[in-house]
PDB file of N, CA and C in Angstrom:
ATOM      1  N   UNK A   1       6.366  -2.217  -6.307  1.00  0.00           N
ATOM      2  CA  UNK A   1       6.747  -1.153  -5.392  1.00  0.00           C
ATOM      3  C   UNK A   1       6.987  -1.729  -4.002  1.00  0.00           C
ATOM      4  N   UNK A   2       6.112  -2.651  -3.596  1.00  0.00           N
ATOM      5  CA  UNK A   2       6.281  -3.247  -2.270  1.00  0.00           C
ATOM      6  C   UNK A   2       7.588  -4.021  -2.158  1.00  0.00           C
ATOM      7  N   UNK A   3       7.903  -4.780  -3.178  1.00  0.00           N
ATOM      8  CA  UNK A   3       9.160  -5.537  -3.150  1.00  0.00           C
ATOM      9  C   UNK A   3      10.371  -4.613  -3.138  1.00  0.00           C
ATOM     10  N   UNK A   4      10.306  -3.535  -3.910  1.00  0.00           N
ATOM     11  CA  UNK A   4      11.403  -2.575  -3.926  1.00  0.00           C
ATOM     12  C   UNK A   4      11.608  -1.906  -2.574  1.00  0.00           C
ATOM     13  N   UNK A   5      10.509  -1.540  -1.933  1.00  0.00           N
ATOM     14  CA  UNK A   5      10.616  -0.922  -0.609  1.00  0.00           C
ATOM     15  C   UNK A   5      11.173  -1.908   0.414  1.00  0.00           C
ATOM     16  N   UNK A   6      10.735  -3.147   0.311  1.00  0.00           N
ATOM     17  CA  UNK A   6      11.218  -4.145   1.260  1.00  0.00           C
ATOM     18  C   UNK A   6      12.708  -4.410   1.063  1.00  0.00           C
ATOM     19  N   UNK A   7      13.144  -4.480  -0.180  1.00  0.00           N
ATOM     20  CA  UNK A   7      14.556  -4.709  -0.450  1.00  0.00           C
ATOM     21  C   UNK A   7      15.415  -3.549   0.032  1.00  0.00           C
ATOM     22  N   UNK A   8      14.878  -2.368   0.026  1.00  0.00           N
ATOM     23  CA  UNK A   8      15.636  -1.211   0.504  1.00  0.00           C
ATOM     24  C   UNK A   8      15.610  -1.094   2.025  1.00  0.00           C
ATOM     25  N   UNK A   9      14.571  -1.630   2.649  1.00  0.00           N
ATOM     26  CA  UNK A   9      14.463  -1.549   4.105  1.00  0.00           C
ATOM     27  C   UNK A   9      15.380  -2.547   4.793  1.00  0.00           C
ATOM     28  N   UNK A  10      15.576  -3.712   4.222  1.00  0.00           N
ATOM     29  CA  UNK A  10      16.376  -4.753   4.867  1.00  0.00           C
ATOM     30  C   UNK A  10      17.829  -4.340   5.085  1.00  0.00           C
ATOM     31  N   UNK A  11      18.541  -3.787   4.078  1.00  0.00           N
ATOM     32  CA  UNK A  11      19.935  -3.401   4.323  1.00  0.00           C
ATOM     33  C   UNK A  11      20.085  -2.269   5.345  1.00  0.00           C
ATOM     34  N   UNK A  12      19.035  -1.489   5.533  1.00  0.00           N
ATOM     35  CA  UNK A  12      19.104  -0.405   6.515  1.00  0.00           C
ATOM     36  C   UNK A  12      18.942  -0.903   7.939  1.00  0.00           C
ATOM     37  N   UNK A  13      18.603  -2.174   8.094  1.00  0.00           N
ATOM     38  CA  UNK A  13      18.398  -2.795   9.409  1.00  0.00           C
ATOM     39  C   UNK A  13      17.378  -2.017  10.237  1.00  0.00           C
ATOM     40  N   UNK A  14      16.278  -1.671   9.586  1.00  0.00           N
ATOM     41  CA  UNK A  14      15.207  -0.965  10.286  1.00  0.00           C
ATOM     42  C   UNK A  14      14.509  -1.903  11.262  1.00  0.00           C
ATOM     43  N   UNK A  15      14.022  -1.368  12.361  1.00  0.00           N
ATOM     44  CA  UNK A  15      13.187  -2.195  13.238  1.00  0.00           C
ATOM     45  C   UNK A  15      11.941  -2.666  12.472  1.00  0.00           C
ATOM     46  N   UNK A  16      11.353  -3.754  12.915  1.00  0.00           N
ATOM     47  CA  UNK A  16      10.199  -4.314  12.222  1.00  0.00           C
ATOM     48  C   UNK A  16       9.066  -3.297  12.116  1.00  0.00           C
ATOM     49  N   UNK A  17       8.866  -2.508  13.161  1.00  0.00           N
ATOM     50  CA  UNK A  17       7.796  -1.510  13.150  1.00  0.00           C
ATOM     51  C   UNK A  17       8.010  -0.486  12.031  1.00  0.00           C
ATOM     52  N   UNK A  18       9.254  -0.061  11.839  1.00  0.00           N
ATOM     53  CA  UNK A  18       9.553   0.907  10.787  1.00  0.00           C
ATOM     54  C   UNK A  18       9.428   0.281   9.400  1.00  0.00           C
ATOM     55  N   UNK A  19       9.810  -0.981   9.290  1.00  0.00           N
ATOM     56  CA  UNK A  19       9.664  -1.683   8.009  1.00  0.00           C
ATOM     57  C   UNK A  19       8.185  -1.801   7.633  1.00  0.00           C
ATOM     58  N   UNK A  20       7.344  -2.116   8.604  1.00  0.00           N
ATOM     59  CA  UNK A  20       5.899  -2.202   8.356  1.00  0.00           C
ATOM     60  C   UNK A  20       5.360  -0.854   7.919  1.00  0.00           C
ATOM     61  N   UNK A  21       5.754   0.199   8.601  1.00  0.00           N
ATOM     62  CA  UNK A  21       5.304   1.546   8.247  1.00  0.00           C
ATOM     63  C   UNK A  21       5.727   1.906   6.832  1.00  0.00           C
ATOM     64  N   UNK A  22       6.960   1.602   6.488  1.00  0.00           N
ATOM     65  CA  UNK A  22       7.464   1.891   5.153  1.00  0.00           C
ATOM     66  C   UNK A  22       6.669   1.142   4.092  1.00  0.00           C
ATOM     67  N   UNK A  23       6.410  -0.134   4.331  1.00  0.00           N
ATOM     68  CA  UNK A  23       5.703  -0.939   3.339  1.00  0.00           C
ATOM     69  C   UNK A  23       4.240  -0.521   3.188  1.00  0.00           C
ATOM     70  N   UNK A  24       3.559  -0.300   4.291  1.00  0.00           N
ATOM     71  CA  UNK A  24       2.126  -0.021   4.210  1.00  0.00           C
ATOM     72  C   UNK A  24       1.810   1.427   3.866  1.00  0.00           C
ATOM     73  N   UNK A  25       2.643   2.355   4.280  1.00  0.00           N
ATOM     74  CA  UNK A  25       2.366   3.771   4.008  1.00  0.00           C
ATOM     75  C   UNK A  25       3.128   4.302   2.807  1.00  0.00           C
ATOM     76  N   UNK A  26       4.262   3.729   2.518  1.00  0.00           N
ATOM     77  CA  UNK A  26       5.092   4.237   1.436  1.00  0.00           C
ATOM     78  C   UNK A  26       4.579   3.932   0.050  1.00  0.00           C
ATOM     79  N   UNK A  27       3.706   2.936  -0.073  1.00  0.00           N
ATOM     80  CA  UNK A  27       3.264   2.534  -1.405  1.00  0.00           C
ATOM     81  C   UNK A  27       1.834   2.946  -1.721  1.00  0.00           C
ATOM     82  N   UNK A  28       1.067   3.399  -0.772  1.00  0.00           N
ATOM     83  CA  UNK A  28      -0.356   3.613  -0.989  1.00  0.00           C
ATOM     84  C   UNK A  28      -0.681   5.090  -1.196  1.00  0.00           C
ATOM     85  N   UNK A  29      -0.254   5.606  -2.312  1.00  0.00           N
ATOM     86  CA  UNK A  29      -0.481   7.016  -2.603  1.00  0.00           C
ATOM     87  C   UNK A  29      -1.233   7.232  -3.916  1.00  0.00           C
ATOM     88  N   UNK A  30      -1.582   6.185  -4.630  1.00  0.00           N
ATOM     89  CA  UNK A  30      -2.117   6.347  -5.981  1.00  0.00           C
ATOM     90  C   UNK A  30      -3.435   7.103  -6.009  1.00  0.00           C
ATOM     91  N   UNK A  31      -4.390   6.716  -5.194  1.00  0.00           N
ATOM     92  CA  UNK A  31      -5.709   7.329  -5.259  1.00  0.00           C
ATOM     93  C   UNK A  31      -5.714   8.733  -4.663  1.00  0.00           C
ATOM     94  N   UNK A  32      -5.030   8.913  -3.546  1.00  0.00           N
ATOM     95  CA  UNK A  32      -5.022  10.218  -2.884  1.00  0.00           C
ATOM     96  C   UNK A  32      -4.356  11.291  -3.743  1.00  0.00           C
ATOM     97  N   UNK A  33      -3.333  10.925  -4.478  1.00  0.00           N
ATOM     98  CA  UNK A  33      -2.649  11.892  -5.335  1.00  0.00           C
ATOM     99  C   UNK A  33      -3.203  11.910  -6.748  1.00  0.00           C
ATOM    100  N   UNK A  34      -3.639  10.766  -7.225  1.00  0.00           N
ATOM    101  CA  UNK A  34      -4.038  10.657  -8.624  1.00  0.00           C
ATOM    102  C   UNK A  34      -5.374  11.273  -8.963  1.00  0.00           C
ATOM    103  N   UNK A  35      -6.350  11.152  -8.072  1.00  0.00           N
ATOM    104  CA  UNK A  35      -7.682  11.685  -8.386  1.00  0.00           C
ATOM    105  C   UNK A  35      -7.676  13.210  -8.553  1.00  0.00           C
ATOM    106  N   UNK A  36      -7.113  13.973  -7.619  1.00  0.00           N
ATOM    107  CA  UNK A  36      -7.088  15.422  -7.833  1.00  0.00           C
ATOM    108  C   UNK A  36      -6.293  15.817  -9.078  1.00  0.00           C
ATOM    109  N   UNK A  37      -5.207  15.093  -9.338  1.00  0.00           N
ATOM    110  CA  UNK A  37      -4.409  15.400 -10.519  1.00  0.00           C
ATOM    111  C   UNK A  37      -5.190  15.092 -11.805  1.00  0.00           C
ATOM    112  N   UNK A  38      -5.891  13.980 -11.824  1.00  0.00           N
ATOM    113  CA  UNK A  38      -6.692  13.623 -12.998  1.00  0.00           C
ATOM    114  C   UNK A  38      -7.809  14.633 -13.210  1.00  0.00           C
ATOM    115  N   UNK A  39      -8.422  15.078 -12.126  1.00  0.00           N
ATOM    116  CA  UNK A  39      -9.498  16.066 -12.256  1.00  0.00           C
ATOM    117  C   UNK A  39      -8.960  17.399 -12.767  1.00  0.00           C
ATOM    118  N   UNK A  40      -7.769  17.768 -12.310  1.00  0.00           N
ATOM    119  CA  UNK A  40      -7.177  19.025 -12.778  1.00  0.00           C
ATOM    120  C   UNK A  40      -6.793  18.937 -14.259  1.00  0.00           C
ATOM    121  N   UNK A  41      -6.271  17.784 -14.665  1.00  0.00           N
ATOM    122  CA  UNK A  41      -5.836  17.640 -16.051  1.00  0.00           C
ATOM    123  C   UNK A  41      -6.984  17.368 -17.018  1.00  0.00           C
ATOM    124  N   UNK A  42      -7.939  16.554 -16.596  1.00  0.00           N
ATOM    125  CA  UNK A  42      -8.996  16.112 -17.492  1.00  0.00           C
ATOM    126  C   UNK A  42     -10.386  16.465 -16.969  1.00  0.00           C
ATOM    127  N   UNK A  43     -10.505  17.514 -16.192  1.00  0.00           N
ATOM    128  CA  UNK A  43     -11.766  17.881 -15.565  1.00  0.00           C
ATOM    129  C   UNK A  43     -12.920  18.067 -16.524  1.00  0.00           C
ATOM    130  N   UNK A  44     -12.666  18.606 -17.704  1.00  0.00           N
ATOM    131  CA  UNK A  44     -13.732  18.831 -18.672  1.00  0.00           C
ATOM    132  C   UNK A  44     -14.022  17.637 -19.557  1.00  0.00           C
ATOM    133  N   UNK A  45     -13.263  16.577 -19.400  1.00  0.00           N
ATOM    134  CA  UNK A  45     -13.415  15.393 -20.241  1.00  0.00           C
ATOM    135  C   UNK A  45     -14.587  14.567 -19.726  1.00  0.00           C
ATOM    136  N   UNK A  46     -15.515  14.237 -20.625  1.00  0.00           N
ATOM    137  CA  UNK A  46     -16.742  13.546 -20.221  1.00  0.00           C
ATOM    138  C   UNK A  46     -16.468  12.135 -19.698  1.00  0.00           C
ATOM    139  N   UNK A  47     -15.448  11.475 -20.180  1.00  0.00           N
ATOM    140  CA  UNK A  47     -15.172  10.089 -19.788  1.00  0.00           C
ATOM    141  C   UNK A  47     -14.064  10.020 -18.742  1.00  0.00           C
ATOM    142  N   UNK A  48     -14.070  10.949 -17.802  1.00  0.00           N
ATOM    143  CA  UNK A  48     -13.046  10.972 -16.759  1.00  0.00           C
ATOM    144  C   UNK A  48     -13.045   9.669 -15.958  1.00  0.00           C
ATOM    145  N   UNK A  49     -14.233   9.119 -15.737  1.00  0.00           N
ATOM    146  CA  UNK A  49     -14.336   7.866 -14.996  1.00  0.00           C
ATOM    147  C   UNK A  49     -13.577   6.731 -15.658  1.00  0.00           C
ATOM    148  N   UNK A  50     -13.610   6.690 -16.981  1.00  0.00           N
ATOM    149  CA  UNK A  50     -12.876   5.646 -17.692  1.00  0.00           C
ATOM    150  C   UNK A  50     -11.371   5.847 -17.586  1.00  0.00           C
ATOM    151  N   UNK A  51     -10.944   7.089 -17.500  1.00  0.00           N
ATOM    152  CA  UNK A  51      -9.516   7.367 -17.374  1.00  0.00           C
ATOM    153  C   UNK A  51      -8.967   6.939 -16.015  1.00  0.00           C
ATOM    154  N   UNK A  52      -9.759   7.097 -14.967  1.00  0.00           N
ATOM    155  CA  UNK A  52      -9.268   6.799 -13.628  1.00  0.00           C
ATOM    156  C   UNK A  52      -9.600   5.373 -13.189  1.00  0.00           C
ATOM    157  N   UNK A  53     -10.305   4.619 -14.002  1.00  0.00           N
ATOM    158  CA  UNK A  53     -10.654   3.246 -13.647  1.00  0.00           C
ATOM    159  C   UNK A  53      -9.425   2.372 -13.369  1.00  0.00           C
ATOM    160  N   UNK A  54      -8.365   2.409 -14.188  1.00  0.00           N
ATOM    161  CA  UNK A  54      -7.171   1.621 -13.847  1.00  0.00           C
ATOM    162  C   UNK A  54      -6.545   2.033 -12.516  1.00  0.00           C
ATOM    163  N   UNK A  55      -6.584   3.307 -12.200  1.00  0.00           N
ATOM    164  CA  UNK A  55      -6.034   3.778 -10.932  1.00  0.00           C
ATOM    165  C   UNK A  55      -6.869   3.248  -9.763  1.00  0.00           C
ATOM    166  N   UNK A  56      -8.176   3.202  -9.928  1.00  0.00           N
ATOM    167  CA  UNK A  56      -9.028   2.665  -8.876  1.00  0.00           C
ATOM    168  C   UNK A  56      -8.757   1.177  -8.656  1.00  0.00           C
ATOM    169  N   UNK A  57      -8.566   0.435  -9.735  1.00  0.00           N
ATOM    170  CA  UNK A  57      -8.260  -0.991  -9.620  1.00  0.00           C
ATOM    171  C   UNK A  57      -6.901  -1.195  -8.951  1.00  0.00           C
ATOM    172  N   UNK A  58      -5.924  -0.378  -9.313  1.00  0.00           N
ATOM    173  CA  UNK A  58      -4.598  -0.483  -8.706  1.00  0.00           C
ATOM    174  C   UNK A  58      -4.660  -0.175  -7.214  1.00  0.00           C
ATOM    175  N   UNK A  59      -5.462   0.808  -6.845  1.00  0.00           N
ATOM    176  CA  UNK A  59      -5.595   1.175  -5.443  1.00  0.00           C
ATOM    177  C   UNK A  59      -6.193   0.007  -4.648  1.00  0.00           C
ATOM    178  N   UNK A  60      -7.198  -0.653  -5.214  1.00  0.00           N
ATOM    179  CA  UNK A  60      -7.786  -1.803  -4.534  1.00  0.00           C
ATOM    180  C   UNK A  60      -6.761  -2.925  -4.371  1.00  0.00           C
ATOM    181  N   UNK A  61      -5.933  -3.127  -5.392  1.00  0.00           N
ATOM    182  CA  UNK A  61      -4.879  -4.146  -5.306  1.00  0.00           C
ATOM    183  C   UNK A  61      -3.877  -3.789  -4.212  1.00  0.00           C
ATOM    184  N   UNK A  62      -3.566  -2.498  -4.074  1.00  0.00           N
ATOM    185  CA  UNK A  62      -2.662  -2.063  -3.012  1.00  0.00           C
ATOM    186  C   UNK A  62      -3.259  -2.344  -1.636  1.00  0.00           C
ATOM    187  N   UNK A  63      -4.546  -2.068  -1.479  1.00  0.00           N
ATOM    188  CA  UNK A  63      -5.193  -2.321  -0.197  1.00  0.00           C
ATOM    189  C   UNK A  63      -5.213  -3.815   0.132  1.00  0.00           C
ATOM    190  N   UNK A  64      -5.468  -4.640  -0.869  1.00  0.00           N
ATOM    191  CA  UNK A  64      -5.473  -6.077  -0.654  1.00  0.00           C
ATOM    192  C   UNK A  64      -4.074  -6.574  -0.273  1.00  0.00           C
ATOM    193  N   UNK A  65      -3.058  -6.121  -0.983  1.00  0.00           N
ATOM    194  CA  UNK A  65      -1.684  -6.511  -0.663  1.00  0.00           C
ATOM    195  C   UNK A  65      -1.304  -6.031   0.734  1.00  0.00           C
ATOM    196  N   UNK A  66      -1.738  -4.835   1.112  1.00  0.00           N
ATOM    197  CA  UNK A  66      -1.464  -4.322   2.458  1.00  0.00           C
ATOM    198  C   UNK A  66      -2.129  -5.160   3.533  1.00  0.00           C
ATOM    199  N   UNK A  67      -3.353  -5.626   3.262  1.00  0.00           N
ATOM    200  CA  UNK A  67      -4.058  -6.474   4.228  1.00  0.00           C
ATOM    201  C   UNK A  67      -3.336  -7.810   4.402  1.00  0.00           C
ATOM    202  N   UNK A  68      -2.855  -8.371   3.305  1.00  0.00           N
ATOM    203  CA  UNK A  68      -2.122  -9.640   3.374  1.00  0.00           C
ATOM    204  C   UNK A  68      -0.822  -9.454   4.159  1.00  0.00           C
ATOM    205  N   UNK A  69      -0.109  -8.373   3.868  1.00  0.00           N
ATOM    206  CA  UNK A  69       1.137  -8.099   4.599  1.00  0.00           C
ATOM    207  C   UNK A  69       0.878  -7.863   6.084  1.00  0.00           C
ATOM    208  N   UNK A  70      -0.180  -7.121   6.396  1.00  0.00           N
ATOM    209  CA  UNK A  70      -0.494  -6.852   7.798  1.00  0.00           C
ATOM    210  C   UNK A  70      -0.801  -8.147   8.543  1.00  0.00           C
ATOM    211  N   UNK A  71      -1.525  -9.049   7.882  1.00  0.00           N
ATOM    212  CA  UNK A  71      -1.836 -10.330   8.524  1.00  0.00           C
ATOM    213  C   UNK A  71      -0.556 -11.131   8.762  1.00  0.00           C
ATOM    214  N   UNK A  72       0.353 -11.130   7.788  1.00  0.00           N
ATOM    215  CA  UNK A  72       1.605 -11.885   7.954  1.00  0.00           C
ATOM    216  C   UNK A  72       2.479 -11.295   9.049  1.00  0.00           C
ATOM    217  N   UNK A  73       2.586  -9.975   9.073  1.00  0.00           N
ATOM    218  CA  UNK A  73       3.378  -9.351  10.139  1.00  0.00           C
ATOM    219  C   UNK A  73       2.724  -9.592  11.498  1.00  0.00           C
ATOM    220  N   UNK A  74       1.402  -9.564  11.529  1.00  0.00           N
ATOM    221  CA  UNK A  74       0.700  -9.827  12.781  1.00  0.00           C
ATOM    222  C   UNK A  74       0.910 -11.244  13.275  1.00  0.00           C
ATOM    223  N   UNK A  75       0.931 -12.194  12.358  1.00  0.00           N
ATOM    224  CA  UNK A  75       1.152 -13.588  12.744  1.00  0.00           C
ATOM    225  C   UNK A  75       2.576 -13.802  13.249  1.00  0.00           C
ATOM    226  N   UNK A  76       3.524 -13.061  12.678  1.00  0.00           N
ATOM    227  CA  UNK A  76       4.913 -13.185  13.116  1.00  0.00           C
ATOM    228  C   UNK A  76       5.105 -12.681  14.535  1.00  0.00           C
ATOM    229  N   UNK A  77       4.357 -11.657  14.901  1.00  0.00           N
ATOM    230  CA  UNK A  77       4.558 -11.051  16.218  1.00  0.00           C
ATOM    231  C   UNK A  77       3.579 -11.570  17.260  1.00  0.00           C
ATOM    232  N   UNK A  78       2.690 -12.471  16.864  1.00  0.00           N
ATOM    233  CA  UNK A  78       1.709 -12.990  17.809  1.00  0.00           C
ATOM    234  C   UNK A  78       2.398 -13.825  18.895  1.00  0.00           C
ATOM    235  N   UNK A  79       1.912 -13.672  20.090  1.00  0.00           N
ATOM    236  CA  UNK A  79       2.448 -14.429  21.218  1.00  0.00           C
ATOM    237  C   UNK A  79       1.789 -15.805  21.201  1.00  0.00           C
ATOM    238  N   UNK A  80       2.573 -16.887  21.254  1.00  0.00           N
ATOM    239  CA  UNK A  80       1.970 -18.214  21.252  1.00  0.00           C
ATOM    240  C   UNK A  80       1.163 -18.442  22.540  1.00  0.00           C
ATOM    241  N   UNK A  81       0.054 -19.163  22.431  1.00  0.00           N
ATOM    242  CA  UNK A  81      -0.767 -19.411  23.643  1.00  0.00           C
ATOM    243  C   UNK A  81      -0.008 -20.300  24.632  1.00  0.00           C
ATOM    244  N   UNK A  82      -0.254 -20.040  25.907  1.00  0.00           N
ATOM    245  CA  UNK A  82       0.409 -20.822  26.951  1.00  0.00           C
ATOM    246  C   UNK A  82      -0.479 -21.990  27.356  1.00  0.00           C
ATOM    247  N   UNK A  83       0.154 -23.101  27.644  1.00  0.00           N
ATOM    248  CA  UNK A  83      -0.600 -24.288  28.097  1.00  0.00           C
ATOM    249  C   UNK A  83      -1.024 -24.099  29.545  1.00  0.00           C
ATOM    250  N   UNK A  84      -2.221 -24.547  29.855  1.00  0.00           N
ATOM    251  CA  UNK A  84      -2.716 -24.425  31.234  1.00  0.00           C
ATOM    252  C   UNK A  84      -2.235 -25.543  32.090  1.00  0.00           C
TER     253      UNK A  84
END
């Protein structure tokens, strides 16, 4: 999903700030949307935790990928130190 969003952002010539917003906010919806939906669909199911376990793992992977991207974007925009 991240690669797809990035490939779509580049031809639009978005500013870097908008590209960052698209990448970090556009892909991280699994847990916020999935948990209520899973509870509505499988609320009476005793093993609901087992059903949502892959979604929880995917969400953690999204957060890790977002942290890596944020660090890379931050390093790109960092001002180099000046010599005294």
